[in-house]
Amino acid sequence: MNTAYIALGSNIAKREEFLKDAITLLDEHNDIQVTKKSSVYETAPVGYKEQNDFLNMVIKVQTNLPPLHLLDYCQGIEQELGRKRVVKWGPRTIDLDILLYNHENMKAERLTIPHPHMQERAFVMVPLADLDADVVLPHIKQTVAEVLGHLPATEVESIREWGSV
């Protein structure tokens, strides 16, 4: 079994329902088991600012799928839940990003693990710290807690705990 961490985000209409639906679809796969869920956080958009706030969270899964097959399944869920890739960093029904897969470093045309900018994003690091503050990010050899401690306090404080799904 492999351990993966997946970030989820939504900022269109029924944000909470899109998060729940994505988790359900992941957990329904025979080779994926959702084992832990972070709290849900409401965050301001990054990059393209003219859009609604996001709900973000991170889940931990156990899977027999290799990384690219997990990516394919995640992208299939995005399509099924109506994601349209129109504007870079734009509004979305659901976004699923594989953050970590075991302790592997990999770079393929369609997938880089660990997620290349995760350590710069409080909206990823705060919910990841909920799950496993001691997990080591293999590409920078620091724990999630250490990385979170280096992010600007204003960024971390701007993330509002919203609840759970």
C-alpha atoms as a PDB file:
ATOM      1  CA  MET A   1       0.000   0.000   0.000  1.00  0.00           C
ATOM      2  CA  ASN A   2       1.106   3.522  -0.820  1.00  0.00           C
ATOM      3  CA  THR A   3       0.334   6.654   1.165  1.00  0.00           C
ATOM      4  CA  ALA A   4      -0.657   9.808  -0.683  1.00  0.00           C
ATOM      5  CA  TYR A   5      -1.825  13.244   0.388  1.00  0.00           C
ATOM      6  CA  ILE A   6      -4.285  15.026  -1.882  1.00  0.00           C
ATOM      7  CA  ALA A   7      -5.279  18.700  -1.669  1.00  0.00           C
ATOM      8  CA  LEU A   8      -8.875  19.587  -2.509  1.00  0.00           C
ATOM      9  CA  GLY A   9     -10.203  23.030  -3.345  1.00  0.00           C
ATOM     10  CA  SER A  10     -13.510  24.470  -4.552  1.00  0.00           C
ATOM     11  CA  ASN A  11     -14.865  27.980  -5.048  1.00  0.00           C
ATOM     12  CA  ILE A  12     -17.958  27.577  -7.212  1.00  0.00           C
ATOM     13  CA  ALA A  13     -21.524  27.353  -5.887  1.00  0.00           C
ATOM     14  CA  LYS A  14     -21.924  24.373  -3.580  1.00  0.00           C
ATOM     15  CA  ARG A  15     -18.292  24.290  -2.460  1.00  0.00           C
ATOM     16  CA  GLU A  16     -18.857  21.936   0.469  1.00  0.00           C
ATOM     17  CA  GLU A  17     -20.810  19.474  -1.679  1.00  0.00           C
ATOM     18  CA  PHE A  18     -18.043  19.364  -4.295  1.00  0.00           C
ATOM     19  CA  LEU A  19     -15.506  18.513  -1.559  1.00  0.00           C
ATOM     20  CA  LYS A  20     -17.768  15.786  -0.147  1.00  0.00           C
ATOM     21  CA  ASP A  21     -18.515  14.363  -3.596  1.00  0.00           C
ATOM     22  CA  ALA A  22     -14.829  14.214  -4.526  1.00  0.00           C
ATOM     23  CA  ILE A  23     -13.962  12.403  -1.275  1.00  0.00           C
ATOM     24  CA  THR A  24     -16.821   9.949  -1.803  1.00  0.00           C
ATOM     25  CA  LEU A  25     -15.704   9.213  -5.371  1.00  0.00           C
ATOM     26  CA  LEU A  26     -12.116   8.669  -4.225  1.00  0.00           C
ATOM     27  CA  ASP A  27     -13.204   6.363  -1.404  1.00  0.00           C
ATOM     28  CA  GLU A  28     -15.497   4.360  -3.723  1.00  0.00           C
ATOM     29  CA  HIS A  29     -12.519   3.258  -5.860  1.00  0.00           C
ATOM     30  CA  ASN A  30     -11.463  -0.296  -4.984  1.00  0.00           C
ATOM     31  CA  ASP A  31      -7.786   0.697  -4.810  1.00  0.00           C
ATOM     32  CA  ILE A  32      -8.160   3.930  -2.789  1.00  0.00           C
ATOM     33  CA  GLN A  33      -9.083   4.291   0.853  1.00  0.00           C
ATOM     34  CA  VAL A  34      -9.477   7.719   2.451  1.00  0.00           C
ATOM     35  CA  THR A  35      -7.936   7.350   5.915  1.00  0.00           C
ATOM     36  CA  LYS A  36      -7.837  10.916   7.258  1.00  0.00           C
ATOM     37  CA  LYS A  37      -9.376  14.312   6.485  1.00  0.00           C
ATOM     38  CA  SER A  38      -8.190  17.741   7.596  1.00  0.00           C
ATOM     39  CA  SER A  39     -10.516  20.475   8.705  1.00  0.00           C
ATOM     40  CA  VAL A  40     -11.864  22.658   5.914  1.00  0.00           C
ATOM     41  CA  TYR A  41     -10.436  26.163   5.556  1.00  0.00           C
ATOM     42  CA  GLU A  42     -11.763  29.191   3.717  1.00  0.00           C
ATOM     43  CA  THR A  43      -9.043  31.028   1.823  1.00  0.00           C
ATOM     44  CA  ALA A  44      -8.712  33.986  -0.498  1.00  0.00           C
ATOM     45  CA  PRO A  45      -7.853  33.160  -4.118  1.00  0.00           C
ATOM     46  CA  VAL A  46      -4.206  33.161  -5.233  1.00  0.00           C
ATOM     47  CA  GLY A  47      -3.086  34.303  -8.682  1.00  0.00           C
ATOM     48  CA  TYR A  48      -6.347  35.281 -10.356  1.00  0.00           C
ATOM     49  CA  LYS A  49      -8.052  37.388  -7.644  1.00  0.00           C
ATOM     50  CA  GLU A  50     -11.416  38.193  -9.311  1.00  0.00           C
ATOM     51  CA  GLN A  51     -13.221  35.134  -7.993  1.00  0.00           C
ATOM     52  CA  ASN A  52     -14.900  33.747  -4.861  1.00  0.00           C
ATOM     53  CA  ASP A  53     -13.019  32.463  -1.825  1.00  0.00           C
ATOM     54  CA  PHE A  54     -12.041  28.800  -1.775  1.00  0.00           C
ATOM     55  CA  LEU A  55     -12.750  25.983   0.597  1.00  0.00           C
ATOM     56  CA  ASN A  56      -9.534  23.970   0.939  1.00  0.00           C
ATOM     57  CA  MET A  57      -8.617  20.768   2.717  1.00  0.00           C
ATOM     58  CA  VAL A  58      -6.184  17.858   2.500  1.00  0.00           C
ATOM     59  CA  ILE A  59      -6.908  14.151   2.729  1.00  0.00           C
ATOM     60  CA  LYS A  60      -4.647  11.193   3.336  1.00  0.00           C
ATOM     61  CA  VAL A  61      -5.269   8.046   1.299  1.00  0.00           C
ATOM     62  CA  GLN A  62      -3.910   4.534   1.083  1.00  0.00           C
ATOM     63  CA  THR A  63      -3.773   3.278  -2.498  1.00  0.00           C
ATOM     64  CA  ASN A  64      -2.523   0.455  -4.670  1.00  0.00           C
ATOM     65  CA  LEU A  65      -2.559   2.774  -7.690  1.00  0.00           C
ATOM     66  CA  PRO A  66       0.726   4.058  -9.100  1.00  0.00           C
ATOM     67  CA  PRO A  67       1.023   7.872  -9.116  1.00  0.00           C
ATOM     68  CA  LEU A  68      -0.042   8.463 -12.738  1.00  0.00           C
ATOM     69  CA  HIS A  69      -3.100   6.208 -12.372  1.00  0.00           C
ATOM     70  CA  LEU A  70      -4.053   8.101  -9.214  1.00  0.00           C
ATOM     71  CA  LEU A  71      -3.665  11.352 -11.164  1.00  0.00           C
ATOM     72  CA  ASP A  72      -5.883  10.014 -13.966  1.00  0.00           C
ATOM     73  CA  TYR A  73      -8.566   9.060 -11.462  1.00  0.00           C
ATOM     74  CA  CYS A  74      -8.379  12.475  -9.748  1.00  0.00           C
ATOM     75  CA  GLN A  75      -8.694  14.249 -13.097  1.00  0.00           C
ATOM     76  CA  GLY A  76     -11.652  12.022 -13.969  1.00  0.00           C
ATOM     77  CA  ILE A  77     -13.354  13.155 -10.747  1.00  0.00           C
ATOM     78  CA  GLU A  78     -12.671  16.788 -11.653  1.00  0.00           C
ATOM     79  CA  GLN A  79     -14.341  16.242 -15.031  1.00  0.00           C
ATOM     80  CA  GLU A  80     -17.260  14.342 -13.536  1.00  0.00           C
ATOM     81  CA  LEU A  81     -17.876  17.208 -11.100  1.00  0.00           C
ATOM     82  CA  GLY A  82     -17.857  19.774 -13.910  1.00  0.00           C
ATOM     83  CA  ARG A  83     -14.402  21.343 -13.707  1.00  0.00           C
ATOM     84  CA  LYS A  84     -13.606  23.611 -16.651  1.00  0.00           C
ATOM     85  CA  ARG A  85     -10.013  24.725 -17.235  1.00  0.00           C
ATOM     86  CA  VAL A  86     -10.636  28.157 -18.751  1.00  0.00           C
ATOM     87  CA  VAL A  87      -8.580  30.648 -16.719  1.00  0.00           C
ATOM     88  CA  LYS A  88      -5.265  29.693 -15.088  1.00  0.00           C
ATOM     89  CA  TRP A  89      -5.879  29.658 -11.305  1.00  0.00           C
ATOM     90  CA  GLY A  90      -9.480  30.537 -12.107  1.00  0.00           C
ATOM     91  CA  PRO A  91     -12.759  29.414 -10.539  1.00  0.00           C
ATOM     92  CA  ARG A  92     -13.340  25.686 -10.256  1.00  0.00           C
ATOM     93  CA  THR A  93     -15.931  23.254  -9.002  1.00  0.00           C
ATOM     94  CA  ILE A  94     -13.177  21.019  -7.661  1.00  0.00           C
ATOM     95  CA  ASP A  95      -9.402  20.840  -7.825  1.00  0.00           C
ATOM     96  CA  LEU A  96      -7.527  17.720  -6.754  1.00  0.00           C
ATOM     97  CA  ASP A  97      -3.735  17.917  -6.457  1.00  0.00           C
ATOM     98  CA  ILE A  98      -1.492  15.056  -5.403  1.00  0.00           C
ATOM     99  CA  LEU A  99       0.871  16.634  -2.899  1.00  0.00           C
ATOM    100  CA  LEU A 100       2.907  13.663  -1.703  1.00  0.00           C
ATOM    101  CA  TYR A 101       3.148  10.010  -2.680  1.00  0.00           C
ATOM    102  CA  ASN A 102       5.078   7.962  -0.142  1.00  0.00           C
ATOM    103  CA  HIS A 103       8.422   9.750   0.224  1.00  0.00           C
ATOM    104  CA  GLU A 104       9.029   9.802  -3.498  1.00  0.00           C
ATOM    105  CA  ASN A 105      10.407  12.499  -5.734  1.00  0.00           C
ATOM    106  CA  MET A 106       9.226  12.159  -9.311  1.00  0.00           C
ATOM    107  CA  LYS A 107       8.978  14.416 -12.309  1.00  0.00           C
ATOM    108  CA  ALA A 108       6.923  13.319 -15.283  1.00  0.00           C
ATOM    109  CA  GLU A 109       5.359  15.354 -18.070  1.00  0.00           C
ATOM    110  CA  ARG A 110       1.977  15.397 -16.308  1.00  0.00           C
ATOM    111  CA  LEU A 111       2.911  15.052 -12.664  1.00  0.00           C
ATOM    112  CA  THR A 112       5.571  16.291 -10.264  1.00  0.00           C
ATOM    113  CA  ILE A 113       5.706  14.829  -6.759  1.00  0.00           C
ATOM    114  CA  PRO A 114       6.005  16.433  -4.295  1.00  0.00           C
ATOM    115  CA  HIS A 115       3.741  19.139  -5.672  1.00  0.00           C
ATOM    116  CA  PRO A 116       6.279  21.764  -6.788  1.00  0.00           C
ATOM    117  CA  HIS A 117       4.942  24.819  -4.930  1.00  0.00           C
ATOM    118  CA  MET A 118       3.148  23.272  -1.974  1.00  0.00           C
ATOM    119  CA  GLN A 119       5.651  24.593   0.578  1.00  0.00           C
ATOM    120  CA  GLU A 120       4.903  28.177  -0.548  1.00  0.00           C
ATOM    121  CA  ARG A 121       1.138  27.911  -0.068  1.00  0.00           C
ATOM    122  CA  ALA A 122      -0.399  28.366   3.350  1.00  0.00           C
ATOM    123  CA  PHE A 123      -3.747  27.112   1.989  1.00  0.00           C
ATOM    124  CA  VAL A 124      -2.025  23.742   1.462  1.00  0.00           C
ATOM    125  CA  MET A 125       0.344  23.667   4.424  1.00  0.00           C
ATOM    126  CA  VAL A 126      -2.212  24.568   7.119  1.00  0.00           C
ATOM    127  CA  PRO A 127      -4.597  21.666   6.337  1.00  0.00           C
ATOM    128  CA  LEU A 128      -1.637  19.316   5.729  1.00  0.00           C
ATOM    129  CA  ALA A 129      -0.337  20.221   9.190  1.00  0.00           C
ATOM    130  CA  ASP A 130      -3.771  19.203  10.541  1.00  0.00           C
ATOM    131  CA  LEU A 131      -3.139  15.698   9.286  1.00  0.00           C
ATOM    132  CA  ASP A 132       0.591  15.146   9.739  1.00  0.00           C
ATOM    133  CA  ALA A 133       2.704  18.061  10.925  1.00  0.00           C
ATOM    134  CA  ASP A 134       5.694  15.711  11.229  1.00  0.00           C
ATOM    135  CA  VAL A 135       5.640  14.339   7.674  1.00  0.00           C
ATOM    136  CA  VAL A 136       8.834  15.249   5.809  1.00  0.00           C
ATOM    137  CA  LEU A 137       8.638  16.954   2.428  1.00  0.00           C
ATOM    138  CA  PRO A 138      11.299  14.939   0.591  1.00  0.00           C
ATOM    139  CA  HIS A 139      12.250  17.623  -1.931  1.00  0.00           C
ATOM    140  CA  ILE A 140      13.257  20.122   0.783  1.00  0.00           C
ATOM    141  CA  LYS A 141      13.907  17.717   3.680  1.00  0.00           C
ATOM    142  CA  GLN A 142      11.780  19.680   6.155  1.00  0.00           C
ATOM    143  CA  THR A 143       8.675  18.707   8.093  1.00  0.00           C
ATOM    144  CA  VAL A 144       5.332  20.308   7.380  1.00  0.00           C
ATOM    145  CA  ALA A 145       5.534  22.059  10.773  1.00  0.00           C
ATOM    146  CA  GLU A 146       8.955  23.522   9.917  1.00  0.00           C
ATOM    147  CA  VAL A 147       7.726  24.788   6.554  1.00  0.00           C
ATOM    148  CA  LEU A 148       4.597  26.255   8.106  1.00  0.00           C
ATOM    149  CA  GLY A 149       6.769  28.096  10.623  1.00  0.00           C
ATOM    150  CA  HIS A 150       8.644  29.803   7.773  1.00  0.00           C
ATOM    151  CA  LEU A 151       5.566  31.049   5.905  1.00  0.00           C
ATOM    152  CA  PRO A 152       4.589  34.695   6.454  1.00  0.00           C
ATOM    153  CA  ALA A 153       2.390  34.953   9.557  1.00  0.00           C
ATOM    154  CA  THR A 154      -0.061  37.185   7.696  1.00  0.00           C
ATOM    155  CA  GLU A 155      -0.634  34.434   5.121  1.00  0.00           C
ATOM    156  CA  VAL A 156      -1.171  31.733   7.725  1.00  0.00           C
ATOM    157  CA  GLU A 157      -3.437  33.961   9.830  1.00  0.00           C
ATOM    158  CA  SER A 158      -5.572  34.843   6.793  1.00  0.00           C
ATOM    159  CA  ILE A 159      -6.722  31.220   6.525  1.00  0.00           C
ATOM    160  CA  ARG A 160      -9.988  30.772   8.385  1.00  0.00           C
ATOM    161  CA  GLU A 161     -11.070  27.409   9.740  1.00  0.00           C
ATOM    162  CA  TRP A 162     -14.459  26.785   8.203  1.00  0.00           C
ATOM    163  CA  GLY A 163     -15.517  23.384   9.581  1.00  0.00           C
ATOM    164  CA  SER A 164     -15.434  19.815   8.324  1.00  0.00           C
ATOM    165  CA  VAL A 165     -17.013  17.618   5.679  1.00  0.00           C
END
